[in-house]
Amino acid sequence: MAARAQSLAKEADMNLSGKMLIAMPGMGDPRFDRSVVFMCAHSGEGAMGLIVNKPARDLRFTDLLEQLHIPVTPRSRDIRVHFGGPVEHSRGFVLHSGDYQNAAATLAVDERFGMTATLDILEAFARGEGPRQSILAFGYSGWGPGQLEDEIRQNGWLTCEATPELLFSNDNAAKWEAALRSLGIDPLLLSASAGRA
């Protein structure tokens, strides 16, 4: 009984904000197959993250600016657009390096990373400004109280440290394997052993 209480206390203290989740093979939810999720917020009230290795199909950043009536200029930056998760997939979130802060709108995840979900940051990109590194994600991944902890206990996810090199890499196809390797896990061995009894 004491061990169970200790385990529950440890889970209550778990805060994965600023970490990455790595989807395990055979998770069962195809939306998260081989996903790497950056955790923007995690508390006893739930968790919110953005998938960082699934580019959006058929959506370019300049097209988005035009749809929002934000003028595209020769200085406009081209930002990569991703599928951030299955919740509110028409809403955009910019995950970015910590060098950009909008006091009213930026969630400072830690000193290295922030998330901003207002038009101000898109307008900054259109002017050739804004954070040094960024990803624009449509939709997010969300969990209710205790849900993510249950999925981790059921071996649905591994967790690893987030690094700017991994998070903002242009090679989306390699992020899942790179995240596993950061834990010392060979992805080929993990994939080969998944699903065996």
C-alpha atoms as a PDB file:
ATOM      1  CA  MET A   1       0.000   0.000   0.000  1.00  0.00           C
ATOM      2  CA  ALA A   2       2.833   2.399   0.860  1.00  0.00           C
ATOM      3  CA  ALA A   3       4.556   1.632  -2.466  1.00  0.00           C
ATOM      4  CA  ARG A   4       1.354   2.463  -4.373  1.00  0.00           C
ATOM      5  CA  ALA A   5       0.974   5.758  -2.472  1.00  0.00           C
ATOM      6  CA  GLN A   6       4.615   6.569  -3.211  1.00  0.00           C
ATOM      7  CA  SER A   7       4.051   5.792  -6.918  1.00  0.00           C
ATOM      8  CA  LEU A   8       0.984   8.053  -7.038  1.00  0.00           C
ATOM      9  CA  ALA A   9       2.899  10.870  -5.341  1.00  0.00           C
ATOM     10  CA  LYS A  10       5.711  10.505  -7.877  1.00  0.00           C
ATOM     11  CA  GLU A  11       3.209  10.689 -10.775  1.00  0.00           C
ATOM     12  CA  ALA A  12       1.617  13.797  -9.263  1.00  0.00           C
ATOM     13  CA  ASP A  13       5.073  15.420  -9.269  1.00  0.00           C
ATOM     14  CA  MET A  14       5.756  14.393 -12.886  1.00  0.00           C
ATOM     15  CA  ASN A  15       5.983  17.402 -15.159  1.00  0.00           C
ATOM     16  CA  LEU A  16       6.822  16.697 -18.765  1.00  0.00           C
ATOM     17  CA  SER A  17       6.656  20.322 -19.936  1.00  0.00           C
ATOM     18  CA  GLY A  18       9.621  20.950 -22.229  1.00  0.00           C
ATOM     19  CA  LYS A  19      10.215  17.223 -22.809  1.00  0.00           C
ATOM     20  CA  MET A  20       9.416  15.035 -25.801  1.00  0.00           C
ATOM     21  CA  LEU A  21       7.180  12.016 -26.079  1.00  0.00           C
ATOM     22  CA  ILE A  22       8.166   9.247 -28.483  1.00  0.00           C
ATOM     23  CA  ALA A  23       5.335   7.009 -29.691  1.00  0.00           C
ATOM     24  CA  MET A  24       6.034   3.332 -29.169  1.00  0.00           C
ATOM     25  CA  PRO A  25       5.426   0.879 -32.023  1.00  0.00           C
ATOM     26  CA  GLY A  26       2.004  -0.696 -31.814  1.00  0.00           C
ATOM     27  CA  MET A  27       0.504   2.200 -29.851  1.00  0.00           C
ATOM     28  CA  GLY A  28      -2.831   1.562 -31.570  1.00  0.00           C
ATOM     29  CA  ASP A  29      -3.669   5.148 -32.559  1.00  0.00           C
ATOM     30  CA  PRO A  30      -2.594   5.700 -36.190  1.00  0.00           C
ATOM     31  CA  ARG A  31      -2.627   9.480 -35.708  1.00  0.00           C
ATOM     32  CA  PHE A  32       0.403   9.078 -33.436  1.00  0.00           C
ATOM     33  CA  ASP A  33       2.257   6.376 -35.384  1.00  0.00           C
ATOM     34  CA  ARG A  34       6.018   7.142 -35.103  1.00  0.00           C
ATOM     35  CA  SER A  35       5.193  10.564 -33.645  1.00  0.00           C
ATOM     36  CA  VAL A  36       7.470  12.803 -31.648  1.00  0.00           C
ATOM     37  CA  VAL A  37       5.463  15.220 -29.486  1.00  0.00           C
ATOM     38  CA  PHE A  38       6.913  18.301 -27.805  1.00  0.00           C
ATOM     39  CA  MET A  39       5.156  18.866 -24.479  1.00  0.00           C
ATOM     40  CA  CYS A  40       4.116  22.507 -24.095  1.00  0.00           C
ATOM     41  CA  ALA A  41       2.272  22.070 -20.792  1.00  0.00           C
ATOM     42  CA  HIS A  42       1.714  19.278 -18.286  1.00  0.00           C
ATOM     43  CA  SER A  43       0.057  19.459 -14.883  1.00  0.00           C
ATOM     44  CA  GLY A  44      -2.499  17.658 -12.769  1.00  0.00           C
ATOM     45  CA  GLU A  45      -5.183  19.245 -14.967  1.00  0.00           C
ATOM     46  CA  GLY A  46      -3.924  17.536 -18.138  1.00  0.00           C
ATOM     47  CA  ALA A  47      -1.331  17.922 -20.849  1.00  0.00           C
ATOM     48  CA  MET A  48      -0.886  19.657 -24.192  1.00  0.00           C
ATOM     49  CA  GLY A  49       1.748  19.041 -26.851  1.00  0.00           C
ATOM     50  CA  LEU A  50       2.527  19.441 -30.541  1.00  0.00           C
ATOM     51  CA  ILE A  51       3.604  16.712 -32.950  1.00  0.00           C
ATOM     52  CA  VAL A  52       6.865  17.971 -34.470  1.00  0.00           C
ATOM     53  CA  ASN A  53       7.655  15.383 -37.132  1.00  0.00           C
ATOM     54  CA  LYS A  54       4.542  15.263 -39.341  1.00  0.00           C
ATOM     55  CA  PRO A  55       4.537  17.971 -42.022  1.00  0.00           C
ATOM     56  CA  ALA A  56       1.150  19.211 -43.175  1.00  0.00           C
ATOM     57  CA  ARG A  57       0.316  18.185 -46.699  1.00  0.00           C
ATOM     58  CA  ASP A  58      -0.674  20.749 -49.310  1.00  0.00           C
ATOM     59  CA  LEU A  59      -0.332  23.773 -47.022  1.00  0.00           C
ATOM     60  CA  ARG A  60       2.412  26.313 -47.533  1.00  0.00           C
ATOM     61  CA  PHE A  61       3.103  29.149 -45.135  1.00  0.00           C
ATOM     62  CA  THR A  62       2.855  31.828 -47.837  1.00  0.00           C
ATOM     63  CA  ASP A  63      -0.583  30.504 -48.831  1.00  0.00           C
ATOM     64  CA  LEU A  64      -1.653  30.767 -45.194  1.00  0.00           C
ATOM     65  CA  LEU A  65      -0.451  34.387 -44.986  1.00  0.00           C
ATOM     66  CA  GLU A  66      -2.474  35.231 -48.091  1.00  0.00           C
ATOM     67  CA  GLN A  67      -5.594  33.556 -46.626  1.00  0.00           C
ATOM     68  CA  LEU A  68      -5.158  35.657 -43.469  1.00  0.00           C
ATOM     69  CA  HIS A  69      -4.627  38.825 -45.531  1.00  0.00           C
ATOM     70  CA  ILE A  70      -1.127  39.283 -44.160  1.00  0.00           C
ATOM     71  CA  PRO A  71       1.037  40.867 -46.879  1.00  0.00           C
ATOM     72  CA  VAL A  72       3.808  38.636 -48.203  1.00  0.00           C
ATOM     73  CA  THR A  73       6.985  40.639 -48.844  1.00  0.00           C
ATOM     74  CA  PRO A  74      10.415  39.775 -50.261  1.00  0.00           C
ATOM     75  CA  ARG A  75      11.608  39.620 -46.637  1.00  0.00           C
ATOM     76  CA  SER A  76       8.895  37.134 -45.561  1.00  0.00           C
ATOM     77  CA  ARG A  77      10.250  34.007 -43.953  1.00  0.00           C
ATOM     78  CA  ASP A  78       9.083  30.555 -45.002  1.00  0.00           C
ATOM     79  CA  ILE A  79       8.027  28.565 -41.940  1.00  0.00           C
ATOM     80  CA  ARG A  80       7.446  24.812 -42.000  1.00  0.00           C
ATOM     81  CA  VAL A  81       3.827  23.804 -41.406  1.00  0.00           C
ATOM     82  CA  HIS A  82       3.053  20.644 -39.408  1.00  0.00           C
ATOM     83  CA  PHE A  83       0.118  18.552 -38.201  1.00  0.00           C
ATOM     84  CA  GLY A  84       0.266  19.262 -34.461  1.00  0.00           C
ATOM     85  CA  GLY A  85      -2.394  16.817 -33.349  1.00  0.00           C
ATOM     86  CA  PRO A  86      -6.029  15.793 -33.635  1.00  0.00           C
ATOM     87  CA  VAL A  87      -7.530  18.479 -31.344  1.00  0.00           C
ATOM     88  CA  GLU A  88      -8.700  21.801 -32.858  1.00  0.00           C
ATOM     89  CA  HIS A  89      -6.925  21.069 -36.136  1.00  0.00           C
ATOM     90  CA  SER A  90      -7.976  24.426 -37.624  1.00  0.00           C
ATOM     91  CA  ARG A  91      -6.112  26.347 -34.897  1.00  0.00           C
ATOM     92  CA  GLY A  92      -2.455  27.280 -35.367  1.00  0.00           C
ATOM     93  CA  PHE A  93       0.368  27.218 -32.823  1.00  0.00           C
ATOM     94  CA  VAL A  94       3.930  28.406 -33.373  1.00  0.00           C
ATOM     95  CA  LEU A  95       6.510  26.466 -31.400  1.00  0.00           C
ATOM     96  CA  HIS A  96       9.683  28.527 -31.336  1.00  0.00           C
ATOM     97  CA  SER A  97      13.057  29.233 -29.804  1.00  0.00           C
ATOM     98  CA  GLY A  98      13.124  31.248 -26.591  1.00  0.00           C
ATOM     99  CA  ASP A  99      14.497  34.384 -28.268  1.00  0.00           C
ATOM    100  CA  TYR A 100      10.945  35.571 -29.075  1.00  0.00           C
ATOM    101  CA  GLN A 101       8.553  36.696 -26.355  1.00  0.00           C
ATOM    102  CA  ASN A 102       5.209  38.402 -26.662  1.00  0.00           C
ATOM    103  CA  ALA A 103       4.352  39.034 -23.017  1.00  0.00           C
ATOM    104  CA  ALA A 104       0.607  38.799 -23.604  1.00  0.00           C
ATOM    105  CA  ALA A 105       0.599  35.801 -25.921  1.00  0.00           C
ATOM    106  CA  THR A 106       3.696  33.610 -25.491  1.00  0.00           C
ATOM    107  CA  LEU A 107       3.702  30.570 -23.249  1.00  0.00           C
ATOM    108  CA  ALA A 108       7.333  30.311 -22.101  1.00  0.00           C
ATOM    109  CA  VAL A 109       7.752  26.539 -21.784  1.00  0.00           C
ATOM    110  CA  ASP A 110      11.306  27.061 -20.489  1.00  0.00           C
ATOM    111  CA  GLU A 111      14.229  29.337 -21.357  1.00  0.00           C
ATOM    112  CA  ARG A 112      14.840  27.482 -24.650  1.00  0.00           C
ATOM    113  CA  PHE A 113      11.302  27.109 -26.026  1.00  0.00           C
ATOM    114  CA  GLY A 114       8.075  29.065 -26.251  1.00  0.00           C
ATOM    115  CA  MET A 115       4.699  28.727 -27.924  1.00  0.00           C
ATOM    116  CA  THR A 116       2.691  31.578 -29.386  1.00  0.00           C
ATOM    117  CA  ALA A 117      -0.787  31.237 -30.895  1.00  0.00           C
ATOM    118  CA  THR A 118      -1.614  34.768 -32.098  1.00  0.00           C
ATOM    119  CA  LEU A 119      -1.419  36.550 -35.443  1.00  0.00           C
ATOM    120  CA  ASP A 120       1.356  38.833 -34.133  1.00  0.00           C
ATOM    121  CA  ILE A 121       3.995  36.160 -34.659  1.00  0.00           C
ATOM    122  CA  LEU A 122       2.776  35.405 -38.200  1.00  0.00           C
ATOM    123  CA  GLU A 123       2.933  39.118 -39.005  1.00  0.00           C
ATOM    124  CA  ALA A 124       6.495  39.183 -37.624  1.00  0.00           C
ATOM    125  CA  PHE A 125       7.451  36.308 -39.954  1.00  0.00           C
ATOM    126  CA  ALA A 126       5.891  38.171 -42.884  1.00  0.00           C
ATOM    127  CA  ARG A 127       8.149  41.155 -42.090  1.00  0.00           C
ATOM    128  CA  GLY A 128      11.197  38.867 -41.956  1.00  0.00           C
ATOM    129  CA  GLU A 129      11.341  39.006 -38.154  1.00  0.00           C
ATOM    130  CA  GLY A 130      10.299  36.693 -35.314  1.00  0.00           C
ATOM    131  CA  PRO A 131      12.121  33.868 -33.524  1.00  0.00           C
ATOM    132  CA  ARG A 132      15.310  32.352 -34.916  1.00  0.00           C
ATOM    133  CA  GLN A 133      13.824  28.813 -35.016  1.00  0.00           C
ATOM    134  CA  SER A 134      10.182  27.797 -35.339  1.00  0.00           C
ATOM    135  CA  ILE A 135       7.561  25.320 -36.449  1.00  0.00           C
ATOM    136  CA  LEU A 136       3.935  26.185 -37.203  1.00  0.00           C
ATOM    137  CA  ALA A 137       1.528  23.424 -36.176  1.00  0.00           C
ATOM    138  CA  PHE A 138      -2.180  23.085 -36.864  1.00  0.00           C
ATOM    139  CA  GLY A 139      -4.033  21.264 -34.139  1.00  0.00           C
ATOM    140  CA  TYR A 140      -2.584  19.943 -30.924  1.00  0.00           C
ATOM    141  CA  SER A 141      -2.372  16.779 -28.884  1.00  0.00           C
ATOM    142  CA  GLY A 142      -4.256  16.913 -25.605  1.00  0.00           C
ATOM    143  CA  TRP A 143      -4.793  14.658 -22.605  1.00  0.00           C
ATOM    144  CA  GLY A 144      -7.177  14.950 -19.681  1.00  0.00           C
ATOM    145  CA  PRO A 145      -6.103  14.592 -16.028  1.00  0.00           C
ATOM    146  CA  GLY A 146      -4.113  11.373 -15.581  1.00  0.00           C
ATOM    147  CA  GLN A 147      -4.641  10.238 -19.190  1.00  0.00           C
ATOM    148  CA  LEU A 148      -1.065  10.771 -20.374  1.00  0.00           C
ATOM    149  CA  GLU A 149       0.328   9.151 -17.244  1.00  0.00           C
ATOM    150  CA  ASP A 150      -1.857   6.089 -17.949  1.00  0.00           C
ATOM    151  CA  GLU A 151      -0.616   5.913 -21.550  1.00  0.00           C
ATOM    152  CA  ILE A 152       3.007   6.099 -20.348  1.00  0.00           C
ATOM    153  CA  ARG A 153       2.352   3.314 -17.792  1.00  0.00           C
ATOM    154  CA  GLN A 154       0.869   1.191 -20.592  1.00  0.00           C
ATOM    155  CA  ASN A 155       4.085   1.670 -22.616  1.00  0.00           C
ATOM    156  CA  GLY A 156       2.456   3.887 -25.223  1.00  0.00           C
ATOM    157  CA  TRP A 157       5.157   6.553 -24.920  1.00  0.00           C
ATOM    158  CA  LEU A 158       8.780   6.982 -24.012  1.00  0.00           C
ATOM    159  CA  THR A 159      10.052  10.368 -22.856  1.00  0.00           C
ATOM    160  CA  CYS A 160      13.298  12.121 -23.725  1.00  0.00           C
ATOM    161  CA  GLU A 161      14.942  15.498 -23.339  1.00  0.00           C
ATOM    162  CA  ALA A 162      14.019  18.050 -25.987  1.00  0.00           C
ATOM    163  CA  THR A 163      16.894  19.691 -27.810  1.00  0.00           C
ATOM    164  CA  PRO A 164      16.654  22.509 -30.359  1.00  0.00           C
ATOM    165  CA  GLU A 165      18.630  20.349 -32.812  1.00  0.00           C
ATOM    166  CA  LEU A 166      16.047  17.575 -32.653  1.00  0.00           C
ATOM    167  CA  LEU A 167      12.967  19.749 -32.357  1.00  0.00           C
ATOM    168  CA  PHE A 168      13.727  22.174 -35.202  1.00  0.00           C
ATOM    169  CA  SER A 169      15.534  19.758 -37.533  1.00  0.00           C
ATOM    170  CA  ASN A 170      14.404  19.949 -41.157  1.00  0.00           C
ATOM    171  CA  ASP A 171      14.590  16.156 -41.422  1.00  0.00           C
ATOM    172  CA  ASN A 172      11.131  15.217 -40.126  1.00  0.00           C
ATOM    173  CA  ALA A 173      11.479  11.616 -41.271  1.00  0.00           C
ATOM    174  CA  ALA A 174      14.513  11.092 -39.013  1.00  0.00           C
ATOM    175  CA  LYS A 175      13.168  12.697 -35.810  1.00  0.00           C
ATOM    176  CA  TRP A 176      11.516   9.567 -34.384  1.00  0.00           C
ATOM    177  CA  GLU A 177      14.668   7.482 -34.752  1.00  0.00           C
ATOM    178  CA  ALA A 178      16.871  10.346 -33.506  1.00  0.00           C
ATOM    179  CA  ALA A 179      14.686  10.731 -30.401  1.00  0.00           C
ATOM    180  CA  LEU A 180      14.997   6.991 -29.659  1.00  0.00           C
ATOM    181  CA  ARG A 181      18.760   7.086 -30.205  1.00  0.00           C
ATOM    182  CA  SER A 182      18.999   9.957 -27.692  1.00  0.00           C
ATOM    183  CA  LEU A 183      17.855   7.356 -25.127  1.00  0.00           C
ATOM    184  CA  GLY A 184      20.372   4.782 -26.357  1.00  0.00           C
ATOM    185  CA  ILE A 185      17.666   2.721 -28.074  1.00  0.00           C
ATOM    186  CA  ASP A 186      18.237   1.214 -31.500  1.00  0.00           C
ATOM    187  CA  PRO A 187      14.973   1.839 -33.434  1.00  0.00           C
ATOM    188  CA  LEU A 188      15.474  -1.316 -35.519  1.00  0.00           C
ATOM    189  CA  LEU A 189      15.581  -3.515 -32.433  1.00  0.00           C
ATOM    190  CA  LEU A 190      12.571  -1.759 -30.926  1.00  0.00           C
ATOM    191  CA  SER A 191      10.537  -2.147 -34.114  1.00  0.00           C
ATOM    192  CA  ALA A 192      11.572  -5.786 -34.510  1.00  0.00           C
ATOM    193  CA  SER A 193      10.485  -6.665 -30.980  1.00  0.00           C
ATOM    194  CA  ALA A 194       7.152  -4.815 -31.068  1.00  0.00           C
ATOM    195  CA  GLY A 195       4.123  -7.059 -31.017  1.00  0.00           C
ATOM    196  CA  ARG A 196       5.897 -10.304 -30.091  1.00  0.00           C
ATOM    197  CA  ALA A 197       4.510 -12.431 -27.303  1.00  0.00           C
END
